[in-house]
Amino acid sequence: MMYGMPDPALFPADELVKATARALQNQAAVTDALQYG
């Protein structure tokens, strides 16, 4: 009961995979995501 970490079982992993794919759908999005911010 030591650490105040979020429960890994509640991470929205599947949804984040889909969101990541959407973030890389076109060249403009790729530039925004992968270039220096």
PDB file of all heavy atoms in Angstrom:
ATOM      1  N   MET A   1       0.835  -1.192   0.000  1.00  0.00           N
ATOM      2  CA  MET A   1       0.000   0.000   0.000  1.00  0.00           C
ATOM      3  C   MET A   1       0.874   1.248   0.000  1.00  0.00           C
ATOM      4  O   MET A   1       0.474   2.313   0.473  1.00  0.00           O
ATOM      5  CB  MET A   1      -0.918   0.000   1.235  1.00  0.00           C
ATOM      6  CG  MET A   1      -1.908  -1.146   1.246  1.00  0.00           C
ATOM      7  SD  MET A   1      -3.021  -1.118   2.694  1.00  0.00           S
ATOM      8  CE  MET A   1      -1.883  -1.704   3.960  1.00  0.00           C
ATOM      9  N   MET A   2       2.082   1.117  -0.561  1.00  0.00           N
ATOM     10  CA  MET A   2       3.059   2.199  -0.500  1.00  0.00           C
ATOM     11  C   MET A   2       2.803   3.290  -1.521  1.00  0.00           C
ATOM     12  O   MET A   2       2.775   4.474  -1.194  1.00  0.00           O
ATOM     13  CB  MET A   2       4.481   1.658  -0.700  1.00  0.00           C
ATOM     14  CG  MET A   2       5.029   0.867   0.464  1.00  0.00           C
ATOM     15  SD  MET A   2       6.764   0.422   0.220  1.00  0.00           S
ATOM     16  CE  MET A   2       7.542   2.034   0.303  1.00  0.00           C
ATOM     17  N   TYR A   3       2.660   2.921  -2.772  1.00  0.00           N
ATOM     18  CA  TYR A   3       2.808   3.893  -3.843  1.00  0.00           C
ATOM     19  C   TYR A   3       1.475   4.364  -4.392  1.00  0.00           C
ATOM     20  O   TYR A   3       0.566   3.574  -4.639  1.00  0.00           O
ATOM     21  CB  TYR A   3       3.662   3.311  -4.965  1.00  0.00           C
ATOM     22  CG  TYR A   3       5.033   2.899  -4.486  1.00  0.00           C
ATOM     23  CD1 TYR A   3       5.411   1.562  -4.454  1.00  0.00           C
ATOM     24  CD2 TYR A   3       5.933   3.864  -4.025  1.00  0.00           C
ATOM     25  CE1 TYR A   3       6.670   1.196  -3.992  1.00  0.00           C
ATOM     26  CE2 TYR A   3       7.187   3.507  -3.562  1.00  0.00           C
ATOM     27  CZ  TYR A   3       7.546   2.168  -3.551  1.00  0.00           C
ATOM     28  OH  TYR A   3       8.782   1.818  -3.079  1.00  0.00           O
ATOM     29  N   GLY A   4       1.378   5.679  -4.616  1.00  0.00           N
ATOM     30  CA  GLY A   4       0.174   6.262  -5.192  1.00  0.00           C
ATOM     31  C   GLY A   4       0.218   6.222  -6.704  1.00  0.00           C
ATOM     32  O   GLY A   4       0.129   7.272  -7.365  1.00  0.00           O
ATOM     33  N   MET A   5       0.352   5.033  -7.263  1.00  0.00           N
ATOM     34  CA  MET A   5       0.399   4.883  -8.721  1.00  0.00           C
ATOM     35  C   MET A   5      -0.978   4.474  -9.241  1.00  0.00           C
ATOM     36  O   MET A   5      -1.716   3.762  -8.557  1.00  0.00           O
ATOM     37  CB  MET A   5       1.433   3.825  -9.115  1.00  0.00           C
ATOM     38  CG  MET A   5       2.859   4.180  -8.736  1.00  0.00           C
ATOM     39  SD  MET A   5       4.069   3.006  -9.393  1.00  0.00           S
ATOM     40  CE  MET A   5       3.633   1.509  -8.509  1.00  0.00           C
ATOM     41  N   PRO A   6      -1.328   4.908 -10.434  1.00  0.00           N
ATOM     42  CA  PRO A   6      -2.578   4.434 -11.031  1.00  0.00           C
ATOM     43  C   PRO A   6      -2.542   2.920 -11.229  1.00  0.00           C
ATOM     44  O   PRO A   6      -1.475   2.317 -11.393  1.00  0.00           O
ATOM     45  CB  PRO A   6      -2.622   5.167 -12.377  1.00  0.00           C
ATOM     46  CG  PRO A   6      -1.715   6.338 -12.220  1.00  0.00           C
ATOM     47  CD  PRO A   6      -0.636   5.888 -11.288  1.00  0.00           C
ATOM     48  N   ASP A   7      -3.708   2.323 -11.213  1.00  0.00           N
ATOM     49  CA  ASP A   7      -3.815   0.881 -11.416  1.00  0.00           C
ATOM     50  C   ASP A   7      -3.572   0.552 -12.894  1.00  0.00           C
ATOM     51  O   ASP A   7      -4.318   1.019 -13.761  1.00  0.00           O
ATOM     52  CB  ASP A   7      -5.218   0.423 -11.000  1.00  0.00           C
ATOM     53  CG  ASP A   7      -5.357  -1.090 -10.988  1.00  0.00           C
ATOM     54  OD1 ASP A   7      -4.524  -1.774 -11.595  1.00  0.00           O
ATOM     55  OD2 ASP A   7      -6.322  -1.582 -10.364  1.00  0.00           O
ATOM     56  N   PRO A   8      -2.543  -0.259 -13.203  1.00  0.00           N
ATOM     57  CA  PRO A   8      -2.287  -0.605 -14.614  1.00  0.00           C
ATOM     58  C   PRO A   8      -3.467  -1.276 -15.295  1.00  0.00           C
ATOM     59  O   PRO A   8      -3.620  -1.176 -16.509  1.00  0.00           O
ATOM     60  CB  PRO A   8      -1.081  -1.553 -14.532  1.00  0.00           C
ATOM     61  CG  PRO A   8      -0.425  -1.242 -13.232  1.00  0.00           C
ATOM     62  CD  PRO A   8      -1.530  -0.839 -12.303  1.00  0.00           C
ATOM     63  N   ALA A   9      -4.300  -1.954 -14.508  1.00  0.00           N
ATOM     64  CA  ALA A   9      -5.466  -2.607 -15.102  1.00  0.00           C
ATOM     65  C   ALA A   9      -6.460  -1.608 -15.681  1.00  0.00           C
ATOM     66  O   ALA A   9      -7.328  -1.981 -16.476  1.00  0.00           O
ATOM     67  CB  ALA A   9      -6.166  -3.477 -14.045  1.00  0.00           C
ATOM     68  N   LEU A  10      -6.312  -0.338 -15.296  1.00  0.00           N
ATOM     69  CA  LEU A  10      -7.236   0.686 -15.760  1.00  0.00           C
ATOM     70  C   LEU A  10      -6.656   1.541 -16.879  1.00  0.00           C
ATOM     71  O   LEU A  10      -7.318   2.465 -17.352  1.00  0.00           O
ATOM     72  CB  LEU A  10      -7.653   1.577 -14.583  1.00  0.00           C
ATOM     73  CG  LEU A  10      -8.391   0.860 -13.449  1.00  0.00           C
ATOM     74  CD1 LEU A  10      -8.573   1.778 -12.251  1.00  0.00           C
ATOM     75  CD2 LEU A  10      -9.747   0.343 -13.931  1.00  0.00           C
ATOM     76  N   PHE A  11      -5.431   1.259 -17.302  1.00  0.00           N
ATOM     77  CA  PHE A  11      -4.865   2.010 -18.422  1.00  0.00           C
ATOM     78  C   PHE A  11      -5.677   1.720 -19.695  1.00  0.00           C
ATOM     79  O   PHE A  11      -5.939   0.556 -20.010  1.00  0.00           O
ATOM     80  CB  PHE A  11      -3.412   1.617 -18.681  1.00  0.00           C
ATOM     81  CG  PHE A  11      -2.449   2.036 -17.595  1.00  0.00           C
ATOM     82  CD1 PHE A  11      -1.239   1.389 -17.448  1.00  0.00           C
ATOM     83  CD2 PHE A  11      -2.747   3.073 -16.732  1.00  0.00           C
ATOM     84  CE1 PHE A  11      -0.343   1.767 -16.459  1.00  0.00           C
ATOM     85  CE2 PHE A  11      -1.874   3.461 -15.745  1.00  0.00           C
ATOM     86  CZ  PHE A  11      -0.663   2.809 -15.590  1.00  0.00           C
ATOM     87  N   PRO A  12      -6.039   2.729 -20.462  1.00  0.00           N
ATOM     88  CA  PRO A  12      -6.816   2.504 -21.685  1.00  0.00           C
ATOM     89  C   PRO A  12      -5.908   2.135 -22.864  1.00  0.00           C
ATOM     90  O   PRO A  12      -5.839   2.857 -23.870  1.00  0.00           O
ATOM     91  CB  PRO A  12      -7.505   3.857 -21.896  1.00  0.00           C
ATOM     92  CG  PRO A  12      -6.518   4.848 -21.357  1.00  0.00           C
ATOM     93  CD  PRO A  12      -5.845   4.174 -20.192  1.00  0.00           C
ATOM     94  N   ALA A  13      -5.206   1.028 -22.732  1.00  0.00           N
ATOM     95  CA  ALA A  13      -4.160   0.676 -23.698  1.00  0.00           C
ATOM     96  C   ALA A  13      -4.707   0.531 -25.120  1.00  0.00           C
ATOM     97  O   ALA A  13      -4.144   1.084 -26.076  1.00  0.00           O
ATOM     98  CB  ALA A  13      -3.463  -0.610 -23.259  1.00  0.00           C
ATOM     99  N   ASP A  14      -5.799  -0.207 -25.280  1.00  0.00           N
ATOM    100  CA  ASP A  14      -6.336  -0.436 -26.622  1.00  0.00           C
ATOM    101  C   ASP A  14      -6.753   0.877 -27.275  1.00  0.00           C
ATOM    102  O   ASP A  14      -6.486   1.115 -28.462  1.00  0.00           O
ATOM    103  CB  ASP A  14      -7.526  -1.390 -26.555  1.00  0.00           C
ATOM    104  CG  ASP A  14      -7.137  -2.791 -26.112  1.00  0.00           C
ATOM    105  OD1 ASP A  14      -5.933  -3.117 -26.187  1.00  0.00           O
ATOM    106  OD2 ASP A  14      -8.027  -3.544 -25.675  1.00  0.00           O
ATOM    107  N   GLU A  15      -7.394   1.727 -26.501  1.00  0.00           N
ATOM    108  CA  GLU A  15      -7.851   3.004 -27.041  1.00  0.00           C
ATOM    109  C   GLU A  15      -6.678   3.919 -27.386  1.00  0.00           C
ATOM    110  O   GLU A  15      -6.728   4.674 -28.363  1.00  0.00           O
ATOM    111  CB  GLU A  15      -8.782   3.686 -26.040  1.00  0.00           C
ATOM    112  CG  GLU A  15     -10.099   2.955 -25.808  1.00  0.00           C
ATOM    113  CD  GLU A  15      -9.999   1.869 -24.741  1.00  0.00           C
ATOM    114  OE1 GLU A  15      -8.857   1.564 -24.306  1.00  0.00           O
ATOM    115  OE2 GLU A  15     -11.037   1.318 -24.355  1.00  0.00           O
ATOM    116  N   LEU A  16      -5.608   3.846 -26.596  1.00  0.00           N
ATOM    117  CA  LEU A  16      -4.431   4.657 -26.886  1.00  0.00           C
ATOM    118  C   LEU A  16      -3.715   4.192 -28.150  1.00  0.00           C
ATOM    119  O   LEU A  16      -3.151   5.003 -28.890  1.00  0.00           O
ATOM    120  CB  LEU A  16      -3.457   4.641 -25.701  1.00  0.00           C
ATOM    121  CG  LEU A  16      -3.815   5.576 -24.542  1.00  0.00           C
ATOM    122  CD1 LEU A  16      -2.903   5.332 -23.353  1.00  0.00           C
ATOM    123  CD2 LEU A  16      -3.715   7.041 -24.980  1.00  0.00           C
ATOM    124  N   VAL A  17      -3.741   2.890 -28.403  1.00  0.00           N
ATOM    125  CA  VAL A  17      -3.173   2.376 -29.655  1.00  0.00           C
ATOM    126  C   VAL A  17      -3.919   2.977 -30.848  1.00  0.00           C
ATOM    127  O   VAL A  17      -3.307   3.444 -31.823  1.00  0.00           O
ATOM    128  CB  VAL A  17      -3.244   0.835 -29.691  1.00  0.00           C
ATOM    129  CG1 VAL A  17      -2.935   0.315 -31.098  1.00  0.00           C
ATOM    130  CG2 VAL A  17      -2.274   0.232 -28.692  1.00  0.00           C
ATOM    131  N   LYS A  18      -5.237   3.002 -30.765  1.00  0.00           N
ATOM    132  CA  LYS A  18      -6.041   3.572 -31.860  1.00  0.00           C
ATOM    133  C   LYS A  18      -5.804   5.081 -31.983  1.00  0.00           C
ATOM    134  O   LYS A  18      -5.713   5.615 -33.091  1.00  0.00           O
ATOM    135  CB  LYS A  18      -7.517   3.284 -31.615  1.00  0.00           C
ATOM    136  CG  LYS A  18      -7.871   1.799 -31.612  1.00  0.00           C
ATOM    137  CD  LYS A  18      -9.319   1.570 -31.187  1.00  0.00           C
ATOM    138  CE  LYS A  18      -9.630   0.086 -31.097  1.00  0.00           C
ATOM    139  NZ  LYS A  18     -11.011  -0.156 -30.583  1.00  0.00           N
ATOM    140  N   ALA A  19      -5.695   5.765 -30.841  1.00  0.00           N
ATOM    141  CA  ALA A  19      -5.454   7.207 -30.876  1.00  0.00           C
ATOM    142  C   ALA A  19      -4.097   7.517 -31.487  1.00  0.00           C
ATOM    143  O   ALA A  19      -3.947   8.481 -32.251  1.00  0.00           O
ATOM    144  CB  ALA A  19      -5.541   7.779 -29.461  1.00  0.00           C
ATOM    145  N   THR A  20      -3.105   6.684 -31.178  1.00  0.00           N
ATOM    146  CA  THR A  20      -1.773   6.879 -31.747  1.00  0.00           C
ATOM    147  C   THR A  20      -1.796   6.696 -33.259  1.00  0.00           C
ATOM    148  O   THR A  20      -1.170   7.460 -34.007  1.00  0.00           O
ATOM    149  CB  THR A  20      -0.783   5.895 -31.110  1.00  0.00           C
ATOM    150  OG1 THR A  20      -0.750   6.113 -29.700  1.00  0.00           O
ATOM    151  CG2 THR A  20       0.613   6.087 -31.678  1.00  0.00           C
ATOM    152  N   ALA A  21      -2.528   5.698 -33.711  1.00  0.00           N
ATOM    153  CA  ALA A  21      -2.653   5.483 -35.161  1.00  0.00           C
ATOM    154  C   ALA A  21      -3.310   6.684 -35.836  1.00  0.00           C
ATOM    155  O   ALA A  21      -2.877   7.124 -36.911  1.00  0.00           O
ATOM    156  CB  ALA A  21      -3.437   4.207 -35.434  1.00  0.00           C
ATOM    157  N   ARG A  22      -4.343   7.241 -35.195  1.00  0.00           N
ATOM    158  CA  ARG A  22      -5.008   8.402 -35.772  1.00  0.00           C
ATOM    159  C   ARG A  22      -4.082   9.620 -35.806  1.00  0.00           C
ATOM    160  O   ARG A  22      -4.170  10.456 -36.711  1.00  0.00           O
ATOM    161  CB  ARG A  22      -6.281   8.746 -34.989  1.00  0.00           C
ATOM    162  CG  ARG A  22      -7.391   7.725 -35.122  1.00  0.00           C
ATOM    163  CD  ARG A  22      -8.729   8.289 -34.669  1.00  0.00           C
ATOM    164  NE  ARG A  22      -8.696   8.731 -33.267  1.00  0.00           N
ATOM    165  CZ  ARG A  22      -8.970   7.943 -32.232  1.00  0.00           C
ATOM    166  NH1 ARG A  22      -9.257   6.655 -32.429  1.00  0.00           N
ATOM    167  NH2 ARG A  22      -8.943   8.430 -31.004  1.00  0.00           N
ATOM    168  N   ALA A  23      -3.188   9.704 -34.817  1.00  0.00           N
ATOM    169  CA  ALA A  23      -2.257  10.838 -34.768  1.00  0.00           C
ATOM    170  C   ALA A  23      -1.227  10.791 -35.893  1.00  0.00           C
ATOM    171  O   ALA A  23      -0.537  11.770 -36.142  1.00  0.00           O
ATOM    172  CB  ALA A  23      -1.540  10.863 -33.420  1.00  0.00           C
ATOM    173  N   LEU A  24      -1.135   9.640 -36.572  1.00  0.00           N
ATOM    174  CA  LEU A  24      -0.151   9.480 -37.644  1.00  0.00           C
ATOM    175  C   LEU A  24      -0.820   9.204 -38.986  1.00  0.00           C
ATOM    176  O   LEU A  24      -0.242   8.568 -39.869  1.00  0.00           O
ATOM    177  CB  LEU A  24       0.804   8.326 -37.292  1.00  0.00           C
ATOM    178  CG  LEU A  24       1.590   8.473 -35.987  1.00  0.00           C
ATOM    179  CD1 LEU A  24       2.402   7.204 -35.708  1.00  0.00           C
ATOM    180  CD2 LEU A  24       2.512   9.678 -36.045  1.00  0.00           C
ATOM    181  N   GLN A  25      -2.026   9.706 -39.176  1.00  0.00           N
ATOM    182  CA  GLN A  25      -2.789   9.361 -40.365  1.00  0.00           C
ATOM    183  C   GLN A  25      -2.349  10.101 -41.625  1.00  0.00           C
ATOM    184  O   GLN A  25      -2.517   9.598 -42.722  1.00  0.00           O
ATOM    185  CB  GLN A  25      -4.293   9.613 -40.121  1.00  0.00           C
ATOM    186  CG  GLN A  25      -4.958   8.492 -39.338  1.00  0.00           C
ATOM    187  CD  GLN A  25      -6.447   8.757 -39.150  1.00  0.00           C
ATOM    188  OE1 GLN A  25      -6.903   9.881 -39.266  1.00  0.00           O
ATOM    189  NE2 GLN A  25      -7.209   7.709 -38.867  1.00  0.00           N
ATOM    190  N   ASN A  26      -1.836  11.317 -41.473  1.00  0.00           N
ATOM    191  CA  ASN A  26      -1.439  12.067 -42.658  1.00  0.00           C
ATOM    192  C   ASN A  26      -0.129  12.796 -42.387  1.00  0.00           C
ATOM    193  O   ASN A  26       0.351  12.840 -41.256  1.00  0.00           O
ATOM    194  CB  ASN A  26      -2.539  13.052 -43.071  1.00  0.00           C
ATOM    195  CG  ASN A  26      -2.913  13.988 -41.921  1.00  0.00           C
ATOM    196  OD1 ASN A  26      -2.069  14.765 -41.475  1.00  0.00           O
ATOM    197  ND2 ASN A  26      -4.149  13.912 -41.463  1.00  0.00           N
ATOM    198  N   GLN A  27       0.457  13.373 -43.433  1.00  0.00           N
ATOM    199  CA  GLN A  27       1.785  13.954 -43.314  1.00  0.00           C
ATOM    200  C   GLN A  27       1.825  15.117 -42.323  1.00  0.00           C
ATOM    201  O   GLN A  27       2.769  15.261 -41.554  1.00  0.00           O
ATOM    202  CB  GLN A  27       2.282  14.427 -44.680  1.00  0.00           C
ATOM    203  CG  GLN A  27       3.733  14.867 -44.690  1.00  0.00           C
ATOM    204  CD  GLN A  27       4.681  13.781 -44.183  1.00  0.00           C
ATOM    205  OE1 GLN A  27       4.601  12.635 -44.629  1.00  0.00           O
ATOM    206  NE2 GLN A  27       5.552  14.120 -43.248  1.00  0.00           N
ATOM    207  N   ALA A  28       0.774  15.931 -42.318  1.00  0.00           N
ATOM    208  CA  ALA A  28       0.744  17.055 -41.385  1.00  0.00           C
ATOM    209  C   ALA A  28       0.718  16.561 -39.947  1.00  0.00           C
ATOM    210  O   ALA A  28       1.419  17.083 -39.066  1.00  0.00           O
ATOM    211  CB  ALA A  28      -0.468  17.939 -41.660  1.00  0.00           C
ATOM    212  N   ALA A  29      -0.090  15.505 -39.705  1.00  0.00           N
ATOM    213  CA  ALA A  29      -0.167  14.950 -38.361  1.00  0.00           C
ATOM    214  C   ALA A  29       1.157  14.313 -37.962  1.00  0.00           C
ATOM    215  O   ALA A  29       1.608  14.436 -36.818  1.00  0.00           O
ATOM    216  CB  ALA A  29      -1.299  13.928 -38.282  1.00  0.00           C
ATOM    217  N   VAL A  30       1.794  13.620 -38.911  1.00  0.00           N
ATOM    218  CA  VAL A  30       3.093  13.001 -38.637  1.00  0.00           C
ATOM    219  C   VAL A  30       4.117  14.060 -38.251  1.00  0.00           C
ATOM    220  O   VAL A  30       4.889  13.901 -37.300  1.00  0.00           O
ATOM    221  CB  VAL A  30       3.577  12.192 -39.856  1.00  0.00           C
ATOM    222  CG1 VAL A  30       5.042  11.803 -39.697  1.00  0.00           C
ATOM    223  CG2 VAL A  30       2.719  10.948 -40.053  1.00  0.00           C
ATOM    224  N   THR A  31       4.124  15.173 -38.977  1.00  0.00           N
ATOM    225  CA  THR A  31       5.071  16.250 -38.670  1.00  0.00           C
ATOM    226  C   THR A  31       4.825  16.799 -37.278  1.00  0.00           C
ATOM    227  O   THR A  31       5.760  17.004 -36.492  1.00  0.00           O
ATOM    228  CB  THR A  31       4.955  17.364 -39.704  1.00  0.00           C
ATOM    229  OG1 THR A  31       5.257  16.829 -40.996  1.00  0.00           O
ATOM    230  CG2 THR A  31       5.916  18.500 -39.387  1.00  0.00           C
ATOM    231  N   ASP A  32       3.561  17.052 -36.941  1.00  0.00           N
ATOM    232  CA  ASP A  32       3.232  17.577 -35.615  1.00  0.00           C
ATOM    233  C   ASP A  32       3.654  16.616 -34.508  1.00  0.00           C
ATOM    234  O   ASP A  32       4.107  17.036 -33.447  1.00  0.00           O
ATOM    235  CB  ASP A  32       1.731  17.845 -35.497  1.00  0.00           C
ATOM    236  CG  ASP A  32       1.311  19.073 -36.289  1.00  0.00           C
ATOM    237  OD1 ASP A  32       2.187  19.889 -36.620  1.00  0.00           O
ATOM    238  OD2 ASP A  32       0.102  19.197 -36.579  1.00  0.00           O
ATOM    239  N   ALA A  33       3.487  15.314 -34.746  1.00  0.00           N
ATOM    240  CA  ALA A  33       3.743  14.327 -33.703  1.00  0.00           C
ATOM    241  C   ALA A  33       5.219  13.960 -33.582  1.00  0.00           C
ATOM    242  O   ALA A  33       5.696  13.694 -32.470  1.00  0.00           O
ATOM    243  CB  ALA A  33       2.919  13.065 -33.962  1.00  0.00           C
ATOM    244  N   LEU A  34       5.946  13.938 -34.694  1.00  0.00           N
ATOM    245  CA  LEU A  34       7.297  13.379 -34.676  1.00  0.00           C
ATOM    246  C   LEU A  34       8.408  14.420 -34.792  1.00  0.00           C
ATOM    247  O   LEU A  34       9.579  14.092 -34.575  1.00  0.00           O
ATOM    248  CB  LEU A  34       7.449  12.354 -35.806  1.00  0.00           C
ATOM    249  CG  LEU A  34       6.483  11.168 -35.760  1.00  0.00           C
ATOM    250  CD1 LEU A  34       6.811  10.174 -36.863  1.00  0.00           C
ATOM    251  CD2 LEU A  34       6.533  10.468 -34.398  1.00  0.00           C
ATOM    252  N   GLN A  35       8.063  15.657 -35.110  1.00  0.00           N
ATOM    253  CA  GLN A  35       9.080  16.707 -35.177  1.00  0.00           C
ATOM    254  C   GLN A  35       9.286  17.303 -33.780  1.00  0.00           C
ATOM    255  O   GLN A  35       8.493  17.068 -32.872  1.00  0.00           O
ATOM    256  CB  GLN A  35       8.624  17.784 -36.173  1.00  0.00           C
ATOM    257  CG  GLN A  35       9.626  18.884 -36.483  1.00  0.00           C
ATOM    258  CD  GLN A  35      10.951  18.359 -36.983  1.00  0.00           C
ATOM    259  OE1 GLN A  35      11.802  18.002 -36.162  1.00  0.00           O
ATOM    260  NE2 GLN A  35      11.108  18.310 -38.309  1.00  0.00           N
ATOM    261  N   TYR A  36      10.390  18.068 -33.624  1.00  0.00           N
ATOM    262  CA  TYR A  36      10.551  18.818 -32.374  1.00  0.00           C
ATOM    263  C   TYR A  36       9.306  19.664 -32.141  1.00  0.00           C
ATOM    264  O   TYR A  36       8.790  20.305 -33.049  1.00  0.00           O
ATOM    265  CB  TYR A  36      11.773  19.732 -32.443  1.00  0.00           C
ATOM    266  CG  TYR A  36      13.092  18.994 -32.402  1.00  0.00           C
ATOM    267  CD1 TYR A  36      13.916  18.950 -33.524  1.00  0.00           C
ATOM    268  CD2 TYR A  36      13.501  18.357 -31.247  1.00  0.00           C
ATOM    269  CE1 TYR A  36      15.130  18.277 -33.491  1.00  0.00           C
ATOM    270  CE2 TYR A  36      14.719  17.680 -31.200  1.00  0.00           C
ATOM    271  CZ  TYR A  36      15.528  17.642 -32.331  1.00  0.00           C
ATOM    272  OH  TYR A  36      16.728  16.984 -32.279  1.00  0.00           O
ATOM    273  N   GLY A  37       8.827  19.689 -30.887  1.00  0.00           N
ATOM    274  CA  GLY A  37       7.594  20.401 -30.589  1.00  0.00           C
ATOM    275  C   GLY A  37       7.835  21.819 -30.101  1.00  0.00           C
ATOM    276  O   GLY A  37       8.977  22.244 -29.868  1.00  0.00           O
TER     277      GLY A  37
END
